[in-house]
Amino acid sequence: MDVHSPEQRSYNMSQVKGKDTKPEKLIRQLLWRNGYRYRLHRKDLPGKPDIVFPGRRKVIFVHGCFWHKHDCKYFKWPASNDNFWRQKIEGNFRRDQINYKALNEAGWKYFIVWECEIKNMPQEVLRDRIMQFLGVPMSQRGSLHY
């Protein structure tokens, strides 16, 4: 049973944002502080990735555990309106898989940062994982001398 009225639940859900979320902003700040420059939400790429590195042909998705069906403590199937939520979340999950495949086929690499990782992983560990995926920031590369 939902603790909110249908009107309150509807309002709450209408306030859920698809981009510029708090976890996404935290990852963007971490990237910027470490010398990475990027583009946001490229609509011409499958899945409209949250953070895009065009020169590297790499993207980062910052996923909420609930919305993208992550196998962690933050994902639980809702108890009410079960059919709606199963269709919604399974649809998100299937669409994600299709987008990941399309990115790979187009020569792009993707990395997923999960909401639970942002909450529970030391920032240095998360930074190191992202840096391993992306490689050295442009600002840290030495100039070439001939």
C-alpha atoms as a PDB file:
ATOM      1  CA  MET A   1       0.000   0.000   0.000  1.00  0.00           C
ATOM      2  CA  ASP A   2       1.312   3.418  -0.967  1.00  0.00           C
ATOM      3  CA  VAL A   3       1.739   5.897   1.865  1.00  0.00           C
ATOM      4  CA  HIS A   4       0.839   8.800  -0.462  1.00  0.00           C
ATOM      5  CA  SER A   5      -2.421   9.708  -2.106  1.00  0.00           C
ATOM      6  CA  PRO A   6      -2.577   9.141  -5.890  1.00  0.00           C
ATOM      7  CA  GLU A   7      -2.346  12.918  -6.391  1.00  0.00           C
ATOM      8  CA  GLN A   8       0.735  13.238  -4.157  1.00  0.00           C
ATOM      9  CA  ARG A   9       2.413  10.224  -5.797  1.00  0.00           C
ATOM     10  CA  SER A  10       1.693  11.691  -9.247  1.00  0.00           C
ATOM     11  CA  TYR A  11       3.222  15.005  -8.205  1.00  0.00           C
ATOM     12  CA  ASN A  12       6.281  13.291  -6.705  1.00  0.00           C
ATOM     13  CA  MET A  13       6.876  11.292  -9.869  1.00  0.00           C
ATOM     14  CA  SER A  14       6.467  14.374 -12.058  1.00  0.00           C
ATOM     15  CA  GLN A  15       9.393  15.951 -10.206  1.00  0.00           C
ATOM     16  CA  VAL A  16      11.833  13.149 -11.091  1.00  0.00           C
ATOM     17  CA  LYS A  17      14.367  14.577 -13.530  1.00  0.00           C
ATOM     18  CA  GLY A  18      15.915  12.759 -16.468  1.00  0.00           C
ATOM     19  CA  LYS A  19      19.053  14.875 -16.705  1.00  0.00           C
ATOM     20  CA  ASP A  20      21.128  17.173 -14.526  1.00  0.00           C
ATOM     21  CA  THR A  21      20.421  14.936 -11.544  1.00  0.00           C
ATOM     22  CA  LYS A  22      22.447  15.245  -8.356  1.00  0.00           C
ATOM     23  CA  PRO A  23      24.471  12.049  -9.068  1.00  0.00           C
ATOM     24  CA  GLU A  24      25.165  13.253 -12.623  1.00  0.00           C
ATOM     25  CA  LYS A  25      26.345  16.653 -11.378  1.00  0.00           C
ATOM     26  CA  LEU A  26      28.665  14.975  -8.865  1.00  0.00           C
ATOM     27  CA  ILE A  27      30.302  12.894 -11.610  1.00  0.00           C
ATOM     28  CA  ARG A  28      30.622  15.936 -13.869  1.00  0.00           C
ATOM     29  CA  GLN A  29      32.320  17.881 -11.060  1.00  0.00           C
ATOM     30  CA  LEU A  30      34.701  14.985 -10.412  1.00  0.00           C
ATOM     31  CA  LEU A  31      35.569  14.843 -14.119  1.00  0.00           C
ATOM     32  CA  TRP A  32      36.061  18.612 -14.458  1.00  0.00           C
ATOM     33  CA  ARG A  33      38.281  18.799 -11.348  1.00  0.00           C
ATOM     34  CA  ASN A  34      40.469  16.080 -12.838  1.00  0.00           C
ATOM     35  CA  GLY A  35      40.979  17.809 -16.180  1.00  0.00           C
ATOM     36  CA  TYR A  36      38.372  16.075 -18.344  1.00  0.00           C
ATOM     37  CA  ARG A  37      36.258  18.104 -20.757  1.00  0.00           C
ATOM     38  CA  TYR A  38      33.071  16.717 -22.176  1.00  0.00           C
ATOM     39  CA  ARG A  39      29.722  17.315 -23.847  1.00  0.00           C
ATOM     40  CA  LEU A  40      26.310  16.584 -22.372  1.00  0.00           C
ATOM     41  CA  HIS A  41      23.306  14.567 -23.540  1.00  0.00           C
ATOM     42  CA  ARG A  42      24.109  14.064 -27.230  1.00  0.00           C
ATOM     43  CA  LYS A  43      20.754  13.375 -28.816  1.00  0.00           C
ATOM     44  CA  ASP A  44      22.357  11.871 -31.917  1.00  0.00           C
ATOM     45  CA  LEU A  45      23.838   8.959 -29.920  1.00  0.00           C
ATOM     46  CA  PRO A  46      21.853   5.900 -28.788  1.00  0.00           C
ATOM     47  CA  GLY A  47      20.482   6.417 -25.296  1.00  0.00           C
ATOM     48  CA  LYS A  48      21.388  10.134 -25.185  1.00  0.00           C
ATOM     49  CA  PRO A  49      24.409   9.504 -22.927  1.00  0.00           C
ATOM     50  CA  ASP A  50      24.745  11.768 -19.903  1.00  0.00           C
ATOM     51  CA  ILE A  51      28.423  12.609 -20.530  1.00  0.00           C
ATOM     52  CA  VAL A  52      30.122  12.370 -23.920  1.00  0.00           C
ATOM     53  CA  PHE A  53      33.796  12.481 -24.889  1.00  0.00           C
ATOM     54  CA  PRO A  54      33.610  12.843 -28.697  1.00  0.00           C
ATOM     55  CA  GLY A  55      37.366  12.720 -29.366  1.00  0.00           C
ATOM     56  CA  ARG A  56      37.716   9.528 -27.379  1.00  0.00           C
ATOM     57  CA  ARG A  57      34.455   8.025 -28.696  1.00  0.00           C
ATOM     58  CA  LYS A  58      33.487   7.216 -25.120  1.00  0.00           C
ATOM     59  CA  VAL A  59      30.387   7.960 -23.081  1.00  0.00           C
ATOM     60  CA  ILE A  60      29.331   7.734 -19.465  1.00  0.00           C
ATOM     61  CA  PHE A  61      25.833   6.942 -18.282  1.00  0.00           C
ATOM     62  CA  VAL A  62      24.938   7.925 -14.715  1.00  0.00           C
ATOM     63  CA  HIS A  63      22.120   5.526 -13.872  1.00  0.00           C
ATOM     64  CA  GLY A  64      19.681   5.510 -11.006  1.00  0.00           C
ATOM     65  CA  CYS A  65      19.507   2.024  -9.522  1.00  0.00           C
ATOM     66  CA  PHE A  66      15.699   1.975  -9.388  1.00  0.00           C
ATOM     67  CA  TRP A  67      15.024   3.245 -12.913  1.00  0.00           C
ATOM     68  CA  HIS A  68      17.581   0.983 -14.599  1.00  0.00           C
ATOM     69  CA  LYS A  69      17.039  -2.189 -12.526  1.00  0.00           C
ATOM     70  CA  HIS A  70      20.442  -2.450 -10.876  1.00  0.00           C
ATOM     71  CA  ASP A  71      21.093  -5.525  -8.775  1.00  0.00           C
ATOM     72  CA  CYS A  72      21.723  -3.693  -5.494  1.00  0.00           C
ATOM     73  CA  LYS A  73      19.933  -2.764  -2.288  1.00  0.00           C
ATOM     74  CA  TYR A  74      18.492   0.392  -3.861  1.00  0.00           C
ATOM     75  CA  PHE A  75      16.381  -1.547  -6.348  1.00  0.00           C
ATOM     76  CA  LYS A  76      13.144  -3.091  -5.121  1.00  0.00           C
ATOM     77  CA  TRP A  77      10.049  -3.778  -7.129  1.00  0.00           C
ATOM     78  CA  PRO A  78       7.269  -1.448  -5.985  1.00  0.00           C
ATOM     79  CA  ALA A  79       4.510  -3.160  -4.041  1.00  0.00           C
ATOM     80  CA  SER A  80       1.632  -1.258  -5.612  1.00  0.00           C
ATOM     81  CA  ASN A  81       0.680  -0.904  -9.274  1.00  0.00           C
ATOM     82  CA  ASP A  82       2.919  -3.887  -9.970  1.00  0.00           C
ATOM     83  CA  ASN A  83       2.015  -4.348 -13.649  1.00  0.00           C
ATOM     84  CA  PHE A  84       2.745  -0.711 -14.539  1.00  0.00           C
ATOM     85  CA  TRP A  85       6.122  -0.695 -12.779  1.00  0.00           C
ATOM     86  CA  ARG A  86       7.235  -4.040 -14.226  1.00  0.00           C
ATOM     87  CA  GLN A  87       6.471  -2.817 -17.750  1.00  0.00           C
ATOM     88  CA  LYS A  88       8.140   0.552 -17.124  1.00  0.00           C
ATOM     89  CA  ILE A  89      11.336  -0.758 -15.532  1.00  0.00           C
ATOM     90  CA  GLU A  90      11.711  -3.793 -17.813  1.00  0.00           C
ATOM     91  CA  GLY A  91      11.195  -1.444 -20.779  1.00  0.00           C
ATOM     92  CA  ASN A  92      13.975   0.831 -19.494  1.00  0.00           C
ATOM     93  CA  PHE A  93      16.244  -2.183 -19.008  1.00  0.00           C
ATOM     94  CA  ARG A  94      15.591  -3.571 -22.519  1.00  0.00           C
ATOM     95  CA  ARG A  95      16.079  -0.136 -24.101  1.00  0.00           C
ATOM     96  CA  ASP A  96      19.390   0.249 -22.226  1.00  0.00           C
ATOM     97  CA  GLN A  97      20.639  -3.066 -23.638  1.00  0.00           C
ATOM     98  CA  ILE A  98      19.673  -2.041 -27.181  1.00  0.00           C
ATOM     99  CA  ASN A  99      21.430   1.328 -26.751  1.00  0.00           C
ATOM    100  CA  TYR A 100      24.624  -0.249 -25.396  1.00  0.00           C
ATOM    101  CA  LYS A 101      24.750  -2.621 -28.365  1.00  0.00           C
ATOM    102  CA  ALA A 102      24.124   0.219 -30.851  1.00  0.00           C
ATOM    103  CA  LEU A 103      26.899   2.316 -29.277  1.00  0.00           C
ATOM    104  CA  ASN A 104      29.364  -0.573 -29.531  1.00  0.00           C
ATOM    105  CA  GLU A 105      28.404  -1.234 -33.135  1.00  0.00           C
ATOM    106  CA  ALA A 106      29.007   2.463 -33.926  1.00  0.00           C
ATOM    107  CA  GLY A 107      32.490   2.274 -32.420  1.00  0.00           C
ATOM    108  CA  TRP A 108      31.701   3.927 -29.085  1.00  0.00           C
ATOM    109  CA  LYS A 109      32.667   2.589 -25.657  1.00  0.00           C
ATOM    110  CA  TYR A 110      30.370   3.151 -22.691  1.00  0.00           C
ATOM    111  CA  PHE A 111      30.799   3.189 -18.937  1.00  0.00           C
ATOM    112  CA  ILE A 112      28.002   3.066 -16.374  1.00  0.00           C
ATOM    113  CA  VAL A 113      28.221   4.800 -13.022  1.00  0.00           C
ATOM    114  CA  TRP A 114      25.482   3.562 -10.705  1.00  0.00           C
ATOM    115  CA  GLU A 115      23.798   5.706  -8.077  1.00  0.00           C
ATOM    116  CA  CYS A 116      24.811   3.199  -5.370  1.00  0.00           C
ATOM    117  CA  GLU A 117      28.481   3.510  -6.381  1.00  0.00           C
ATOM    118  CA  ILE A 118      28.330   7.271  -5.982  1.00  0.00           C
ATOM    119  CA  LYS A 119      26.763   6.861  -2.533  1.00  0.00           C
ATOM    120  CA  ASN A 120      28.927   4.008  -1.249  1.00  0.00           C
ATOM    121  CA  MET A 121      32.274   4.027  -3.064  1.00  0.00           C
ATOM    122  CA  PRO A 122      35.131   6.276  -1.932  1.00  0.00           C
ATOM    123  CA  GLN A 123      35.419   9.131  -4.432  1.00  0.00           C
ATOM    124  CA  GLU A 124      39.067   8.287  -5.160  1.00  0.00           C
ATOM    125  CA  VAL A 125      38.145   4.722  -6.141  1.00  0.00           C
ATOM    126  CA  LEU A 126      35.325   5.935  -8.373  1.00  0.00           C
ATOM    127  CA  ARG A 127      37.647   8.532  -9.936  1.00  0.00           C
ATOM    128  CA  ASP A 128      40.303   5.885 -10.604  1.00  0.00           C
ATOM    129  CA  ARG A 129      37.767   3.565 -12.274  1.00  0.00           C
ATOM    130  CA  ILE A 130      36.551   6.378 -14.530  1.00  0.00           C
ATOM    131  CA  MET A 131      40.133   7.442 -15.341  1.00  0.00           C
ATOM    132  CA  GLN A 132      41.007   3.863 -16.236  1.00  0.00           C
ATOM    133  CA  PHE A 133      38.071   3.871 -18.678  1.00  0.00           C
ATOM    134  CA  LEU A 134      38.815   7.295 -20.159  1.00  0.00           C
ATOM    135  CA  GLY A 135      42.603   7.410 -20.116  1.00  0.00           C
ATOM    136  CA  VAL A 136      44.732  10.427 -19.291  1.00  0.00           C
ATOM    137  CA  PRO A 137      42.960  13.820 -19.428  1.00  0.00           C
ATOM    138  CA  MET A 138      44.031  16.078 -22.294  1.00  0.00           C
ATOM    139  CA  SER A 139      45.230  18.678 -19.773  1.00  0.00           C
ATOM    140  CA  GLN A 140      47.774  16.189 -18.370  1.00  0.00           C
ATOM    141  CA  ARG A 141      49.213  15.096 -21.717  1.00  0.00           C
ATOM    142  CA  GLY A 142      52.599  16.557 -22.503  1.00  0.00           C
ATOM    143  CA  SER A 143      53.093  18.516 -25.671  1.00  0.00           C
ATOM    144  CA  LEU A 144      54.810  16.697 -28.496  1.00  0.00           C
ATOM    145  CA  HIS A 145      58.285  17.869 -29.442  1.00  0.00           C
ATOM    146  CA  TYR A 146      59.800  16.954 -32.800  1.00  0.00           C
END
